[in-house]
């Protein structure tokens, strides 16, 4: 009797897990959230105060500004 109940419970749980795995409705939303988090992390690193891109752009703009000052004189 007890083994029969355990078997029925196991089968019911197994079927629910299989149905949950087959249900793909929320998968795309989760993928978009993961992509957005990744992009935010990349932008935070690249455009932070110590980011290498910001440092490179600042150096380039300062160099251009210095050359423009020389031309204007």
PDB file of N, CA and C in Angstrom:
ATOM      1  N   UNK A   1       0.831  -1.193   0.000  1.00  0.00           N
ATOM      2  CA  UNK A   1       0.000   0.000   0.000  1.00  0.00           C
ATOM      3  C   UNK A   1       0.879   1.262   0.000  1.00  0.00           C
ATOM      4  N   UNK A   2       1.850   1.319   0.916  1.00  0.00           N
ATOM      5  CA  UNK A   2       2.722   2.488   1.016  1.00  0.00           C
ATOM      6  C   UNK A   2       3.597   2.623  -0.229  1.00  0.00           C
ATOM      7  N   UNK A   3       4.090   1.519  -0.738  1.00  0.00           N
ATOM      8  CA  UNK A   3       4.905   1.533  -1.947  1.00  0.00           C
ATOM      9  C   UNK A   3       4.094   2.032  -3.134  1.00  0.00           C
ATOM     10  N   UNK A   4       2.827   1.680  -3.172  1.00  0.00           N
ATOM     11  CA  UNK A   4       1.937   2.126  -4.239  1.00  0.00           C
ATOM     12  C   UNK A   4       1.784   3.649  -4.190  1.00  0.00           C
ATOM     13  N   UNK A   5       1.608   4.222  -3.011  1.00  0.00           N
ATOM     14  CA  UNK A   5       1.488   5.675  -2.868  1.00  0.00           C
ATOM     15  C   UNK A   5       2.779   6.381  -3.269  1.00  0.00           C
ATOM     16  N   UNK A   6       3.909   5.848  -2.857  1.00  0.00           N
ATOM     17  CA  UNK A   6       5.196   6.439  -3.214  1.00  0.00           C
ATOM     18  C   UNK A   6       5.398   6.405  -4.723  1.00  0.00           C
ATOM     19  N   UNK A   7       5.035   5.291  -5.346  1.00  0.00           N
ATOM     20  CA  UNK A   7       5.173   5.160  -6.800  1.00  0.00           C
ATOM     21  C   UNK A   7       4.282   6.169  -7.514  1.00  0.00           C
ATOM     22  N   UNK A   8       3.041   6.318  -7.065  1.00  0.00           N
ATOM     23  CA  UNK A   8       2.121   7.285  -7.685  1.00  0.00           C
ATOM     24  C   UNK A   8       2.650   8.710  -7.507  1.00  0.00           C
ATOM     25  N   UNK A   9       3.173   9.021  -6.340  1.00  0.00           N
ATOM     26  CA  UNK A   9       3.730  10.350  -6.103  1.00  0.00           C
ATOM     27  C   UNK A   9       4.945  10.614  -6.975  1.00  0.00           C
ATOM     28  N   UNK A  10       5.799   9.612  -7.128  1.00  0.00           N
ATOM     29  CA  UNK A  10       6.986   9.743  -7.967  1.00  0.00           C
ATOM     30  C   UNK A  10       6.599   9.985  -9.424  1.00  0.00           C
ATOM     31  N   UNK A  11       5.629   9.215  -9.901  1.00  0.00           N
ATOM     32  CA  UNK A  11       5.187   9.359 -11.297  1.00  0.00           C
ATOM     33  C   UNK A  11       4.569  10.734 -11.519  1.00  0.00           C
ATOM     34  N   UNK A  12       3.744  11.189 -10.576  1.00  0.00           N
ATOM     35  CA  UNK A  12       3.129  12.513 -10.711  1.00  0.00           C
ATOM     36  C   UNK A  12       4.198  13.603 -10.730  1.00  0.00           C
ATOM     37  N   UNK A  13       5.181  13.504  -9.850  1.00  0.00           N
ATOM     38  CA  UNK A  13       6.254  14.495  -9.826  1.00  0.00           C
ATOM     39  C   UNK A  13       7.067  14.450 -11.110  1.00  0.00           C
ATOM     40  N   UNK A  14       7.353  13.269 -11.607  1.00  0.00           N
ATOM     41  CA  UNK A  14       8.114  13.114 -12.846  1.00  0.00           C
ATOM     42  C   UNK A  14       7.377  13.737 -14.023  1.00  0.00           C
ATOM     43  N   UNK A  15       6.057  13.531 -14.101  1.00  0.00           N
ATOM     44  CA  UNK A  15       5.271  14.113 -15.191  1.00  0.00           C
ATOM     45  C   UNK A  15       5.249  15.635 -15.102  1.00  0.00           C
ATOM     46  N   UNK A  16       5.143  16.176 -13.894  1.00  0.00           N
ATOM     47  CA  UNK A  16       5.148  17.637 -13.742  1.00  0.00           C
ATOM     48  C   UNK A  16       6.504  18.217 -14.154  1.00  0.00           C
ATOM     49  N   UNK A  17       7.577  17.542 -13.800  1.00  0.00           N
ATOM     50  CA  UNK A  17       8.915  18.009 -14.185  1.00  0.00           C
ATOM     51  C   UNK A  17       9.077  17.969 -15.703  1.00  0.00           C
ATOM     52  N   UNK A  18       8.609  16.915 -16.335  1.00  0.00           N
ATOM     53  CA  UNK A  18       8.692  16.823 -17.799  1.00  0.00           C
ATOM     54  C   UNK A  18       7.888  17.936 -18.467  1.00  0.00           C
ATOM     55  N   UNK A  19       6.695  18.226 -17.954  1.00  0.00           N
ATOM     56  CA  UNK A  19       5.888  19.312 -18.510  1.00  0.00           C
ATOM     57  C   UNK A  19       6.559  20.661 -18.307  1.00  0.00           C
ATOM     58  N   UNK A  20       7.200  20.849 -17.169  1.00  0.00           N
ATOM     59  CA  UNK A  20       7.902  22.100 -16.900  1.00  0.00           C
ATOM     60  C   UNK A  20       9.082  22.279 -17.852  1.00  0.00           C
ATOM     61  N   UNK A  21       9.787  21.202 -18.137  1.00  0.00           N
ATOM     62  CA  UNK A  21      10.923  21.268 -19.062  1.00  0.00           C
ATOM     63  C   UNK A  21      10.449  21.573 -20.484  1.00  0.00           C
ATOM     64  N   UNK A  22       9.313  21.024 -20.877  1.00  0.00           N
ATOM     65  CA  UNK A  22       8.786  21.248 -22.231  1.00  0.00           C
ATOM     66  C   UNK A  22       8.220  22.657 -22.409  1.00  0.00           C
ATOM     67  N   UNK A  23       7.793  23.301 -21.315  1.00  0.00           N
ATOM     68  CA  UNK A  23       7.188  24.632 -21.388  1.00  0.00           C
ATOM     69  C   UNK A  23       8.289  25.661 -21.659  1.00  0.00           C
ATOM     70  N   UNK A  24       8.274  26.290 -22.814  1.00  0.00           N
ATOM     71  CA  UNK A  24       9.325  27.214 -23.241  1.00  0.00           C
ATOM     72  C   UNK A  24       8.884  28.678 -23.171  1.00  0.00           C
ATOM     73  N   UNK A  25       7.745  28.980 -22.580  1.00  0.00           N
ATOM     74  CA  UNK A  25       7.225  30.350 -22.612  1.00  0.00           C
ATOM     75  C   UNK A  25       8.140  31.362 -21.944  1.00  0.00           C
ATOM     76  N   UNK A  26       8.760  31.036 -20.839  1.00  0.00           N
ATOM     77  CA  UNK A  26       9.573  32.000 -20.122  1.00  0.00           C
ATOM     78  C   UNK A  26      11.039  31.982 -20.492  1.00  0.00           C
ATOM     79  N   UNK A  27      11.446  31.064 -21.336  1.00  0.00           N
ATOM     80  CA  UNK A  27      12.869  30.912 -21.655  1.00  0.00           C
ATOM     81  C   UNK A  27      13.403  32.128 -22.390  1.00  0.00           C
ATOM     82  N   UNK A  28      12.664  32.645 -23.340  1.00  0.00           N
ATOM     83  CA  UNK A  28      13.135  33.789 -24.131  1.00  0.00           C
ATOM     84  C   UNK A  28      13.303  35.013 -23.240  1.00  0.00           C
ATOM     85  N   UNK A  29      12.371  35.239 -22.336  1.00  0.00           N
ATOM     86  CA  UNK A  29      12.473  36.387 -21.433  1.00  0.00           C
ATOM     87  C   UNK A  29      13.711  36.270 -20.558  1.00  0.00           C
ATOM     88  N   UNK A  30      13.990  35.085 -20.069  1.00  0.00           N
ATOM     89  CA  UNK A  30      15.171  34.876 -19.241  1.00  0.00           C
ATOM     90  C   UNK A  30      16.438  35.114 -20.052  1.00  0.00           C
ATOM     91  N   UNK A  31      16.445  34.691 -21.309  1.00  0.00           N
ATOM     92  CA  UNK A  31      17.616  34.914 -22.165  1.00  0.00           C
ATOM     93  C   UNK A  31      17.844  36.403 -22.401  1.00  0.00           C
ATOM     94  N   UNK A  32      16.774  37.166 -22.617  1.00  0.00           N
ATOM     95  CA  UNK A  32      16.919  38.602 -22.819  1.00  0.00           C
ATOM     96  C   UNK A  32      17.425  39.291 -21.557  1.00  0.00           C
ATOM     97  N   UNK A  33      16.967  38.860 -20.404  1.00  0.00           N
ATOM     98  CA  UNK A  33      17.450  39.442 -19.147  1.00  0.00           C
ATOM     99  C   UNK A  33      18.939  39.154 -18.972  1.00  0.00           C
ATOM    100  N   UNK A  34      19.359  37.932 -19.258  1.00  0.00           N
ATOM    101  CA  UNK A  34      20.776  37.578 -19.145  1.00  0.00           C
ATOM    102  C   UNK A  34      21.618  38.405 -20.114  1.00  0.00           C
ATOM    103  N   UNK A  35      21.123  38.598 -21.328  1.00  0.00           N
ATOM    104  CA  UNK A  35      21.838  39.414 -22.309  1.00  0.00           C
ATOM    105  C   UNK A  35      21.945  40.861 -21.846  1.00  0.00           C
ATOM    106  N   UNK A  36      20.862  41.406 -21.314  1.00  0.00           N
ATOM    107  CA  UNK A  36      20.877  42.787 -20.830  1.00  0.00           C
ATOM    108  C   UNK A  36      21.851  42.958 -19.674  1.00  0.00           C
ATOM    109  N   UNK A  37      21.884  42.008 -18.761  1.00  0.00           N
ATOM    110  CA  UNK A  37      22.816  42.083 -17.635  1.00  0.00           C
ATOM    111  C   UNK A  37      24.259  42.047 -18.132  1.00  0.00           C
ATOM    112  N   UNK A  38      24.525  41.204 -19.119  1.00  0.00           N
ATOM    113  CA  UNK A  38      25.865  41.140 -19.687  1.00  0.00           C
ATOM    114  C   UNK A  38      26.279  42.443 -20.352  1.00  0.00           C
ATOM    115  N   UNK A  39      25.364  43.029 -21.116  1.00  0.00           N
ATOM    116  CA  UNK A  39      25.673  44.302 -21.783  1.00  0.00           C
ATOM    117  C   UNK A  39      25.888  45.429 -20.776  1.00  0.00           C
ATOM    118  N   UNK A  40      25.077  45.453 -19.738  1.00  0.00           N
ATOM    119  CA  UNK A  40      25.244  46.477 -18.708  1.00  0.00           C
ATOM    120  C   UNK A  40      26.608  46.338 -18.043  1.00  0.00           C
ATOM    121  N   UNK A  41      27.015  45.118 -17.775  1.00  0.00           N
ATOM    122  CA  UNK A  41      28.325  44.892 -17.153  1.00  0.00           C
ATOM    123  C   UNK A  41      29.448  45.368 -18.069  1.00  0.00           C
ATOM    124  N   UNK A  42      29.343  45.072 -19.363  1.00  0.00           N
ATOM    125  CA  UNK A  42      30.373  45.505 -20.311  1.00  0.00           C
ATOM    126  C   UNK A  42      30.420  47.024 -20.391  1.00  0.00           C
ATOM    127  N   UNK A  43      29.262  47.665 -20.506  1.00  0.00           N
ATOM    128  CA  UNK A  43      29.230  49.130 -20.564  1.00  0.00           C
ATOM    129  C   UNK A  43      29.765  49.756 -19.290  1.00  0.00           C
ATOM    130  N   UNK A  44      29.470  49.159 -18.161  1.00  0.00           N
ATOM    131  CA  UNK A  44      29.954  49.705 -16.889  1.00  0.00           C
ATOM    132  C   UNK A  44      31.475  49.659 -16.829  1.00  0.00           C
ATOM    133  N   UNK A  45      32.064  48.590 -17.319  1.00  0.00           N
ATOM    134  CA  UNK A  45      33.529  48.473 -17.297  1.00  0.00           C
ATOM    135  C   UNK A  45      34.156  49.408 -18.323  1.00  0.00           C
ATOM    136  N   UNK A  46      33.608  49.431 -19.528  1.00  0.00           N
ATOM    137  CA  UNK A  46      34.207  50.213 -20.611  1.00  0.00           C
ATOM    138  C   UNK A  46      34.079  51.713 -20.367  1.00  0.00           C
ATOM    139  N   UNK A  47      32.922  52.152 -19.891  1.00  0.00           N
ATOM    140  CA  UNK A  47      32.690  53.587 -19.755  1.00  0.00           C
ATOM    141  C   UNK A  47      32.863  54.098 -18.325  1.00  0.00           C
ATOM    142  N   UNK A  48      33.457  53.321 -17.454  1.00  0.00           N
ATOM    143  CA  UNK A  48      33.696  53.791 -16.091  1.00  0.00           C
ATOM    144  C   UNK A  48      34.832  54.807 -16.100  1.00  0.00           C
ATOM    145  N   UNK A  49      35.021  55.452 -14.970  1.00  0.00           N
ATOM    146  CA  UNK A  49      36.084  56.465 -14.873  1.00  0.00           C
ATOM    147  C   UNK A  49      37.464  55.880 -15.139  1.00  0.00           C
ATOM    148  N   UNK A  50      37.687  54.629 -14.765  1.00  0.00           N
ATOM    149  CA  UNK A  50      38.985  53.997 -14.966  1.00  0.00           C
ATOM    150  C   UNK A  50      38.982  53.098 -16.203  1.00  0.00           C
ATOM    151  N   UNK A  51      37.921  53.142 -16.994  1.00  0.00           N
ATOM    152  CA  UNK A  51      37.827  52.282 -18.167  1.00  0.00           C
ATOM    153  C   UNK A  51      38.869  52.631 -19.213  1.00  0.00           C
ATOM    154  N   UNK A  52      39.364  51.631 -19.898  1.00  0.00           N
ATOM    155  CA  UNK A  52      40.421  51.855 -20.885  1.00  0.00           C
ATOM    156  C   UNK A  52      39.901  52.634 -22.083  1.00  0.00           C
ATOM    157  N   UNK A  53      38.651  52.439 -22.463  1.00  0.00           N
ATOM    158  CA  UNK A  53      38.109  53.175 -23.601  1.00  0.00           C
ATOM    159  C   UNK A  53      38.008  54.657 -23.267  1.00  0.00           C
ATOM    160  N   UNK A  54      37.533  54.962 -22.073  1.00  0.00           N
ATOM    161  CA  UNK A  54      37.431  56.367 -21.677  1.00  0.00           C
ATOM    162  C   UNK A  54      38.810  57.008 -21.621  1.00  0.00           C
ATOM    163  N   UNK A  55      39.767  56.298 -21.092  1.00  0.00           N
ATOM    164  CA  UNK A  55      41.133  56.823 -21.013  1.00  0.00           C
ATOM    165  C   UNK A  55      41.693  57.078 -22.409  1.00  0.00           C
ATOM    166  N   UNK A  56      41.484  56.149 -23.312  1.00  0.00           N
ATOM    167  CA  UNK A  56      41.978  56.301 -24.683  1.00  0.00           C
ATOM    168  C   UNK A  56      41.290  57.474 -25.387  1.00  0.00           C
ATOM    169  N   UNK A  57      39.969  57.590 -25.209  1.00  0.00           N
ATOM    170  CA  UNK A  57      39.246  58.700 -25.844  1.00  0.00           C
ATOM    171  C   UNK A  57      39.678  60.047 -25.260  1.00  0.00           C
ATOM    172  N   UNK A  58      39.870  60.099 -23.937  1.00  0.00           N
ATOM    173  CA  UNK A  58      40.340  61.343 -23.328  1.00  0.00           C
ATOM    174  C   UNK A  58      41.705  61.746 -23.874  1.00  0.00           C
ATOM    175  N   UNK A  59      42.600  60.777 -24.003  1.00  0.00           N
ATOM    176  CA  UNK A  59      43.945  61.070 -24.527  1.00  0.00           C
ATOM    177  C   UNK A  59      43.858  61.560 -25.970  1.00  0.00           C
ATOM    178  N   UNK A  60      43.029  60.914 -26.772  1.00  0.00           N
ATOM    179  CA  UNK A  60      42.876  61.316 -28.169  1.00  0.00           C
ATOM    180  C   UNK A  60      42.299  62.717 -28.283  1.00  0.00           C
ATOM    181  N   UNK A  61      41.263  62.996 -27.503  1.00  0.00           N
ATOM    182  CA  UNK A  61      40.637  64.322 -27.567  1.00  0.00           C
ATOM    183  C   UNK A  61      41.577  65.406 -27.052  1.00  0.00           C
ATOM    184  N   UNK A  62      42.345  65.119 -26.034  1.00  0.00           N
ATOM    185  CA  UNK A  62      43.323  66.097 -25.542  1.00  0.00           C
ATOM    186  C   UNK A  62      44.407  66.361 -26.578  1.00  0.00           C
ATOM    187  N   UNK A  63      44.835  65.313 -27.258  1.00  0.00           N
ATOM    188  CA  UNK A  63      45.850  65.471 -28.308  1.00  0.00           C
ATOM    189  C   UNK A  63      45.296  66.323 -29.453  1.00  0.00           C
ATOM    190  N   UNK A  64      44.046  66.038 -29.849  1.00  0.00           N
ATOM    191  CA  UNK A  64      43.426  66.837 -30.914  1.00  0.00           C
ATOM    192  C   UNK A  64      43.243  68.288 -30.488  1.00  0.00           C
ATOM    193  N   UNK A  65      42.825  68.500 -29.247  1.00  0.00           N
ATOM    194  CA  UNK A  65      42.635  69.874 -28.752  1.00  0.00           C
ATOM    195  C   UNK A  65      43.961  70.621 -28.748  1.00  0.00           C
ATOM    196  N   UNK A  66      45.046  69.932 -28.372  1.00  0.00           N
ATOM    197  CA  UNK A  66      46.365  70.571 -28.399  1.00  0.00           C
ATOM    198  C   UNK A  66      46.788  70.945 -29.802  1.00  0.00           C
ATOM    199  N   UNK A  67      46.505  70.088 -30.780  1.00  0.00           N
ATOM    200  CA  UNK A  67      46.857  70.401 -32.160  1.00  0.00           C
ATOM    201  C   UNK A  67      45.999  71.538 -32.688  1.00  0.00           C
ATOM    202  N   UNK A  68      44.749  71.597 -32.279  1.00  0.00           N
ATOM    203  CA  UNK A  68      43.871  72.679 -32.727  1.00  0.00           C
ATOM    204  C   UNK A  68      44.330  74.024 -32.145  1.00  0.00           C
ATOM    205  N   UNK A  69      44.826  73.981 -30.901  1.00  0.00           N
ATOM    206  CA  UNK A  69      45.361  75.207 -30.315  1.00  0.00           C
ATOM    207  C   UNK A  69      46.580  75.702 -31.079  1.00  0.00           C
ATOM    208  N   UNK A  70      47.442  74.782 -31.528  1.00  0.00           N
ATOM    209  CA  UNK A  70      48.624  75.159 -32.288  1.00  0.00           C
ATOM    210  C   UNK A  70      48.242  75.759 -33.649  1.00  0.00           C
ATOM    211  N   UNK A  71      47.231  75.202 -34.278  1.00  0.00           N
ATOM    212  CA  UNK A  71      46.786  75.697 -35.579  1.00  0.00           C
ATOM    213  C   UNK A  71      46.142  77.061 -35.446  1.00  0.00           C
ATOM    214  N   UNK A  72      45.407  77.265 -34.362  1.00  0.00           N
ATOM    215  CA  UNK A  72      44.696  78.537 -34.161  1.00  0.00           C
ATOM    216  C   UNK A  72      45.621  79.690 -33.843  1.00  0.00           C
ATOM    217  N   UNK A  73      46.849  79.447 -33.448  1.00  0.00           N
ATOM    218  CA  UNK A  73      47.770  80.535 -33.067  1.00  0.00           C
ATOM    219  C   UNK A  73      48.550  81.045 -34.213  1.00  0.00           C
TER     220      UNK A  73
END
